[in-house]
N, C-alpha and C. Protein backbone atom coordinates (compact mmCIF):
# COMPACT_ATOMS: atom_id res chain seq x y z
N MET A 1 115.58 242.13 6.21
CA MET A 1 114.90 241.24 7.14
C MET A 1 115.47 241.55 8.49
N LEU A 2 114.70 241.25 9.60
CA LEU A 2 115.19 241.47 10.94
C LEU A 2 115.56 240.10 11.63
N SER A 3 116.52 240.17 12.51
CA SER A 3 116.95 238.96 13.22
C SER A 3 115.81 238.62 14.17
N PHE A 4 115.78 237.43 14.79
CA PHE A 4 114.68 236.98 15.69
C PHE A 4 114.73 238.06 16.80
N GLU A 5 115.86 238.51 17.35
CA GLU A 5 115.87 239.31 18.52
C GLU A 5 115.41 240.66 18.30
N GLU A 6 115.74 241.15 16.92
CA GLU A 6 115.24 242.48 16.63
C GLU A 6 113.74 242.44 16.30
N ALA A 7 113.20 241.33 15.79
CA ALA A 7 111.82 241.17 15.59
C ALA A 7 111.04 241.12 16.88
N GLU A 8 111.64 240.50 17.99
CA GLU A 8 111.04 240.51 19.26
C GLU A 8 110.89 241.87 19.83
N ALA A 9 111.95 242.78 19.62
CA ALA A 9 111.97 244.07 20.14
C ALA A 9 110.82 244.90 19.40
N VAL A 10 110.73 244.74 18.08
CA VAL A 10 109.79 245.37 17.19
C VAL A 10 108.40 245.00 17.60
N LEU A 11 108.15 243.70 17.88
CA LEU A 11 106.84 243.25 18.34
C LEU A 11 106.46 243.98 19.64
N ASP A 12 107.42 244.07 20.51
CA ASP A 12 107.10 244.89 21.81
C ASP A 12 106.69 246.24 21.64
N GLU A 13 107.57 246.93 20.71
CA GLU A 13 107.31 248.36 20.37
C GLU A 13 105.86 248.52 19.77
N ILE A 14 105.54 247.65 18.88
CA ILE A 14 104.29 247.77 18.25
C ILE A 14 103.17 247.64 19.29
N ALA A 15 103.27 246.66 20.11
CA ALA A 15 102.35 246.43 21.16
C ALA A 15 102.18 247.60 22.17
N ASP A 16 103.42 248.12 22.50
CA ASP A 16 103.42 249.34 23.43
C ASP A 16 102.75 250.50 22.78
N ASP A 17 102.67 250.68 21.50
CA ASP A 17 102.05 251.78 20.81
C ASP A 17 100.48 251.62 20.83
N LEU A 18 99.99 250.50 21.11
CA LEU A 18 98.53 250.32 21.11
C LEU A 18 97.88 250.55 22.49
N PRO A 19 96.65 250.97 22.53
CA PRO A 19 95.91 251.12 23.82
C PRO A 19 95.96 249.85 24.58
N GLN A 20 96.30 249.93 25.81
CA GLN A 20 96.47 248.74 26.60
C GLN A 20 95.12 247.91 26.80
N GLU A 21 93.95 248.65 26.64
CA GLU A 21 92.67 247.98 26.83
C GLU A 21 92.59 246.80 25.84
N ILE A 22 93.23 247.00 24.63
CA ILE A 22 93.13 245.95 23.57
C ILE A 22 93.61 244.55 24.07
N PHE A 23 94.46 244.64 25.12
CA PHE A 23 95.11 243.37 25.60
C PHE A 23 94.24 242.81 26.74
N ASP A 24 93.21 243.44 27.15
CA ASP A 24 92.30 243.01 28.25
C ASP A 24 91.90 241.53 27.90
N ASP A 25 92.00 240.67 28.91
CA ASP A 25 91.62 239.28 28.69
C ASP A 25 92.58 238.34 27.84
N LEU A 26 93.54 239.09 27.34
CA LEU A 26 94.54 238.29 26.62
C LEU A 26 95.61 237.77 27.71
N ASN A 27 95.09 236.97 28.56
CA ASN A 27 95.87 236.53 29.76
C ASN A 27 97.13 235.84 29.42
N GLY A 28 97.28 235.15 28.24
CA GLY A 28 98.61 234.59 27.90
C GLY A 28 99.53 235.63 27.11
N GLY A 29 99.09 236.78 26.84
CA GLY A 29 99.82 237.76 26.12
C GLY A 29 100.06 237.40 24.74
N TYR A 30 101.26 237.81 24.23
CA TYR A 30 101.67 237.42 22.84
C TYR A 30 103.11 237.05 22.84
N VAL A 31 103.48 236.22 21.89
CA VAL A 31 104.84 235.75 21.86
C VAL A 31 105.29 235.54 20.44
N LEU A 32 106.59 235.86 20.19
CA LEU A 32 107.21 235.52 18.87
C LEU A 32 107.78 234.17 19.03
N THR A 33 107.51 233.32 18.11
CA THR A 33 108.15 231.97 18.10
C THR A 33 109.06 231.90 16.94
N PRO A 34 110.12 230.99 16.97
CA PRO A 34 110.99 230.85 15.76
C PRO A 34 110.41 229.93 14.79
N ASP A 35 109.18 229.33 15.04
CA ASP A 35 108.61 228.35 14.21
C ASP A 35 108.30 228.66 12.78
N ILE A 36 108.40 227.74 11.96
CA ILE A 36 107.87 227.82 10.54
C ILE A 36 106.57 226.91 10.66
N VAL A 37 105.47 227.58 10.45
CA VAL A 37 104.17 226.84 10.66
C VAL A 37 103.36 226.98 9.26
N LYS A 38 102.83 225.69 8.99
CA LYS A 38 101.96 225.66 7.74
C LYS A 38 100.71 224.93 8.15
N ASP A 39 99.69 225.21 7.34
CA ASP A 39 98.38 224.70 7.58
C ASP A 39 98.33 223.43 6.78
N LYS A 40 97.15 222.78 6.86
CA LYS A 40 96.95 221.38 6.16
C LYS A 40 97.09 221.54 4.66
N ASP A 41 97.00 222.75 4.02
CA ASP A 41 97.05 222.97 2.63
C ASP A 41 98.50 223.37 2.26
N GLY A 42 99.40 223.43 3.24
CA GLY A 42 100.77 223.78 3.04
C GLY A 42 100.96 225.32 2.86
N LEU A 43 100.03 226.16 3.37
CA LEU A 43 100.18 227.57 3.38
C LEU A 43 100.84 228.02 4.69
N TYR A 44 101.77 228.95 4.66
CA TYR A 44 102.35 229.47 5.80
C TYR A 44 101.49 230.15 6.76
N ILE A 45 101.47 229.93 7.98
CA ILE A 45 100.67 230.57 9.03
C ILE A 45 101.66 231.63 9.77
N LEU A 46 101.30 232.94 9.69
CA LEU A 46 102.10 233.98 10.24
C LEU A 46 101.83 234.24 11.65
N GLY A 47 100.67 233.99 12.03
CA GLY A 47 100.28 234.12 13.49
C GLY A 47 99.05 233.52 13.73
N MET A 48 98.76 233.26 15.05
CA MET A 48 97.51 232.52 15.43
C MET A 48 97.04 233.18 16.64
N TYR A 49 95.68 233.22 16.87
CA TYR A 49 95.03 233.65 18.10
C TYR A 49 94.58 232.30 18.74
N HIS A 50 94.80 232.16 19.93
CA HIS A 50 94.60 230.81 20.71
C HIS A 50 93.58 231.17 21.85
N VAL A 51 92.56 230.35 21.91
CA VAL A 51 91.75 230.26 23.04
C VAL A 51 91.69 228.95 23.58
N GLU A 52 92.35 228.73 24.76
CA GLU A 52 92.35 227.47 25.51
C GLU A 52 91.72 227.66 26.82
N PRO A 53 90.69 226.80 27.06
CA PRO A 53 89.91 226.91 28.35
C PRO A 53 90.85 226.61 29.47
N ARG A 54 91.66 225.67 29.30
CA ARG A 54 92.73 225.31 30.33
C ARG A 54 94.07 225.81 29.99
N GLY A 55 94.84 226.08 30.90
CA GLY A 55 96.28 226.48 30.55
C GLY A 55 96.40 227.90 30.44
N LEU A 56 96.90 228.41 29.17
CA LEU A 56 97.20 229.78 28.95
C LEU A 56 96.00 230.59 28.76
N GLY A 57 94.87 230.03 28.38
CA GLY A 57 93.75 230.89 28.12
C GLY A 57 93.80 231.50 26.81
N ARG A 58 93.73 232.83 26.67
CA ARG A 58 93.78 233.57 25.35
C ARG A 58 95.17 234.12 25.19
N TYR A 59 95.80 233.86 23.95
CA TYR A 59 97.09 234.35 23.64
C TYR A 59 97.28 234.35 22.16
N ILE A 60 98.37 235.06 21.78
CA ILE A 60 98.71 235.22 20.38
C ILE A 60 100.12 234.77 20.13
N THR A 61 100.36 233.90 19.08
CA THR A 61 101.68 233.56 18.57
C THR A 61 101.91 234.25 17.26
N VAL A 62 103.05 234.85 17.06
CA VAL A 62 103.60 235.39 15.85
C VAL A 62 104.73 234.47 15.47
N HIS A 63 104.67 233.91 14.25
CA HIS A 63 105.63 232.89 13.89
C HIS A 63 106.82 233.57 13.02
N TYR A 64 107.93 233.90 13.64
CA TYR A 64 108.98 234.50 13.00
C TYR A 64 109.46 233.67 11.87
N GLY A 65 109.49 232.27 12.05
CA GLY A 65 110.11 231.44 11.04
C GLY A 65 109.39 231.48 9.67
N SER A 66 107.93 231.54 9.84
CA SER A 66 107.12 231.68 8.67
C SER A 66 107.25 233.04 7.96
N LEU A 67 107.33 234.05 8.84
CA LEU A 67 107.66 235.46 8.25
C LEU A 67 108.97 235.50 7.55
N ALA A 68 109.94 234.84 8.18
CA ALA A 68 111.34 234.91 7.56
C ALA A 68 111.42 234.14 6.24
N VAL A 69 110.72 233.07 6.06
CA VAL A 69 110.65 232.31 4.86
C VAL A 69 110.02 233.23 3.72
N LEU A 70 108.93 233.84 4.03
CA LEU A 70 108.11 234.58 3.01
C LEU A 70 108.75 235.92 2.67
N TYR A 71 109.43 236.53 3.67
CA TYR A 71 109.83 237.93 3.54
C TYR A 71 111.42 238.08 3.63
N GLU A 72 112.16 237.04 3.35
CA GLU A 72 113.55 237.00 3.67
C GLU A 72 114.35 238.24 2.91
N ARG A 73 113.78 238.59 1.79
CA ARG A 73 114.45 239.55 0.98
C ARG A 73 113.96 241.01 1.23
N CYS A 74 113.02 241.11 2.25
CA CYS A 74 112.38 242.51 2.56
C CYS A 74 113.44 243.26 3.41
N SER A 75 113.15 244.58 3.29
CA SER A 75 114.02 245.45 4.06
C SER A 75 113.50 245.34 5.56
N PRO A 76 114.32 245.79 6.52
CA PRO A 76 113.88 245.80 7.85
C PRO A 76 112.57 246.59 8.11
N ARG A 77 112.35 247.72 7.26
CA ARG A 77 111.17 248.53 7.43
C ARG A 77 109.96 247.68 6.98
N VAL A 78 110.08 246.98 5.83
CA VAL A 78 108.86 246.21 5.32
C VAL A 78 108.66 245.11 6.25
N PHE A 79 109.71 244.32 6.78
CA PHE A 79 109.51 243.24 7.75
C PHE A 79 108.93 243.71 8.95
N ARG A 80 109.13 244.92 9.45
CA ARG A 80 108.54 245.41 10.58
C ARG A 80 107.04 245.71 10.33
N GLU A 81 106.71 246.13 9.18
CA GLU A 81 105.36 246.27 8.76
C GLU A 81 104.57 245.04 8.77
N LYS A 82 105.18 243.93 8.26
CA LYS A 82 104.56 242.59 8.11
C LYS A 82 104.16 242.17 9.56
N ILE A 83 105.15 242.33 10.55
CA ILE A 83 104.96 241.93 11.92
C ILE A 83 103.78 242.76 12.56
N LYS A 84 103.73 244.04 12.17
CA LYS A 84 102.60 244.92 12.72
C LYS A 84 101.26 244.30 12.15
N LEU A 85 101.30 244.04 10.96
CA LEU A 85 100.04 243.57 10.32
C LEU A 85 99.58 242.24 10.93
N VAL A 86 100.53 241.31 11.26
CA VAL A 86 100.15 240.10 11.89
C VAL A 86 99.60 240.33 13.23
N LEU A 87 100.33 241.14 14.07
CA LEU A 87 99.76 241.35 15.45
C LEU A 87 98.42 242.08 15.43
N HIS A 88 98.23 243.09 14.52
CA HIS A 88 96.85 243.65 14.48
C HIS A 88 95.83 242.71 14.01
N HIS A 89 96.10 241.95 13.10
CA HIS A 89 95.24 240.88 12.59
C HIS A 89 94.80 239.93 13.78
N GLU A 90 95.77 239.46 14.44
CA GLU A 90 95.51 238.49 15.54
C GLU A 90 94.71 239.08 16.72
N LEU A 91 95.06 240.46 16.95
CA LEU A 91 94.31 241.22 18.00
C LEU A 91 92.93 241.45 17.61
N THR A 92 92.70 241.63 16.32
CA THR A 92 91.25 241.75 15.84
C THR A 92 90.52 240.42 16.15
N HIS A 93 91.15 239.29 15.86
CA HIS A 93 90.48 238.04 16.23
C HIS A 93 90.17 238.07 17.70
N HIS A 94 91.07 238.49 18.61
CA HIS A 94 90.89 238.48 19.95
C HIS A 94 89.68 239.32 20.39
N LEU A 95 89.68 240.58 19.86
CA LEU A 95 88.52 241.48 20.15
C LEU A 95 87.23 240.98 19.74
N GLU A 96 87.15 240.41 18.45
CA GLU A 96 86.02 239.86 17.96
C GLU A 96 85.58 238.61 18.77
N SER A 97 86.46 237.79 19.18
CA SER A 97 86.17 236.68 20.02
C SER A 97 85.41 237.12 21.34
N LEU A 98 86.02 238.20 21.90
CA LEU A 98 85.46 238.67 23.20
C LEU A 98 83.96 239.12 22.92
N ALA A 99 83.75 239.69 21.73
CA ALA A 99 82.39 240.20 21.46
C ALA A 99 81.51 239.14 20.85
N GLY A 100 81.92 237.96 20.68
CA GLY A 100 81.17 236.85 20.09
C GLY A 100 80.98 237.02 18.59
N ASP A 101 81.90 237.66 18.01
CA ASP A 101 81.83 237.88 16.57
C ASP A 101 82.89 237.02 15.76
N ARG A 102 82.57 236.56 14.63
CA ARG A 102 83.50 235.70 13.85
C ARG A 102 83.75 236.24 12.50
N SER A 103 83.52 237.56 12.28
CA SER A 103 83.60 238.20 10.95
C SER A 103 85.00 238.02 10.32
N LEU A 104 86.05 238.18 11.04
CA LEU A 104 87.44 238.07 10.46
C LEU A 104 87.74 236.58 10.29
N GLU A 105 87.28 235.74 11.08
CA GLU A 105 87.51 234.34 10.91
C GLU A 105 86.86 233.84 9.55
N ILE A 106 85.63 234.30 9.32
CA ILE A 106 84.92 234.02 8.14
C ILE A 106 85.62 234.62 6.90
N LYS A 107 86.10 235.89 7.00
CA LYS A 107 86.73 236.56 5.89
C LYS A 107 88.09 235.76 5.60
N ASP A 108 88.78 235.40 6.63
CA ASP A 108 90.07 234.53 6.40
C ASP A 108 89.75 233.35 5.64
N ALA A 109 88.65 232.69 6.03
CA ALA A 109 88.23 231.43 5.27
C ALA A 109 87.87 231.60 3.78
N ILE A 110 87.14 232.68 3.53
CA ILE A 110 86.77 233.13 2.16
C ILE A 110 87.99 233.40 1.38
N ASP A 111 88.93 234.25 2.00
CA ASP A 111 90.19 234.69 1.29
C ASP A 111 90.95 233.48 0.99
N LYS A 112 91.05 232.50 1.87
CA LYS A 112 92.03 231.32 1.60
C LYS A 112 91.28 230.44 0.52
N ALA A 113 90.02 230.27 0.51
CA ALA A 113 89.41 229.42 -0.54
C ALA A 113 89.52 230.15 -1.91
N ARG A 114 89.47 231.45 -2.01
CA ARG A 114 89.76 232.19 -3.23
C ARG A 114 91.25 232.01 -3.66
N TYR A 115 92.17 232.12 -2.76
CA TYR A 115 93.56 231.86 -3.10
C TYR A 115 93.77 230.44 -3.60
N LEU A 116 93.17 229.48 -2.97
CA LEU A 116 93.43 228.10 -3.41
C LEU A 116 92.81 227.76 -4.71
N ARG A 117 91.75 228.49 -5.10
CA ARG A 117 91.09 228.26 -6.42
C ARG A 117 91.89 228.86 -7.53
N ARG A 118 92.96 229.72 -7.25
CA ARG A 118 93.68 230.36 -8.40
C ARG A 118 94.58 229.28 -9.07
């Protein structure tokens, strides 16, 4: 597992490797938080895409605390990959939001419902 500071650096490296156009209109950018976040069903939330008409506007949070709980025994390489997956997932929400598409949001809801039925 990576420390919070190492994870912040990794998040920046991953973002730097992406085309900067992906971040257009993401006026609040992205941030790594130390938070452990769960939804109303008690499932960990690893990241969130936010759209706030006032204040920060569009931004992404990646929740280090949630990642650390779920992947505490992972190697730094695997933990890095998890951070990358979360950022890419939330950026997909961003791009779909700009296009007026909710496909990933719908897929997430379906996947969660399937998981809860198990």
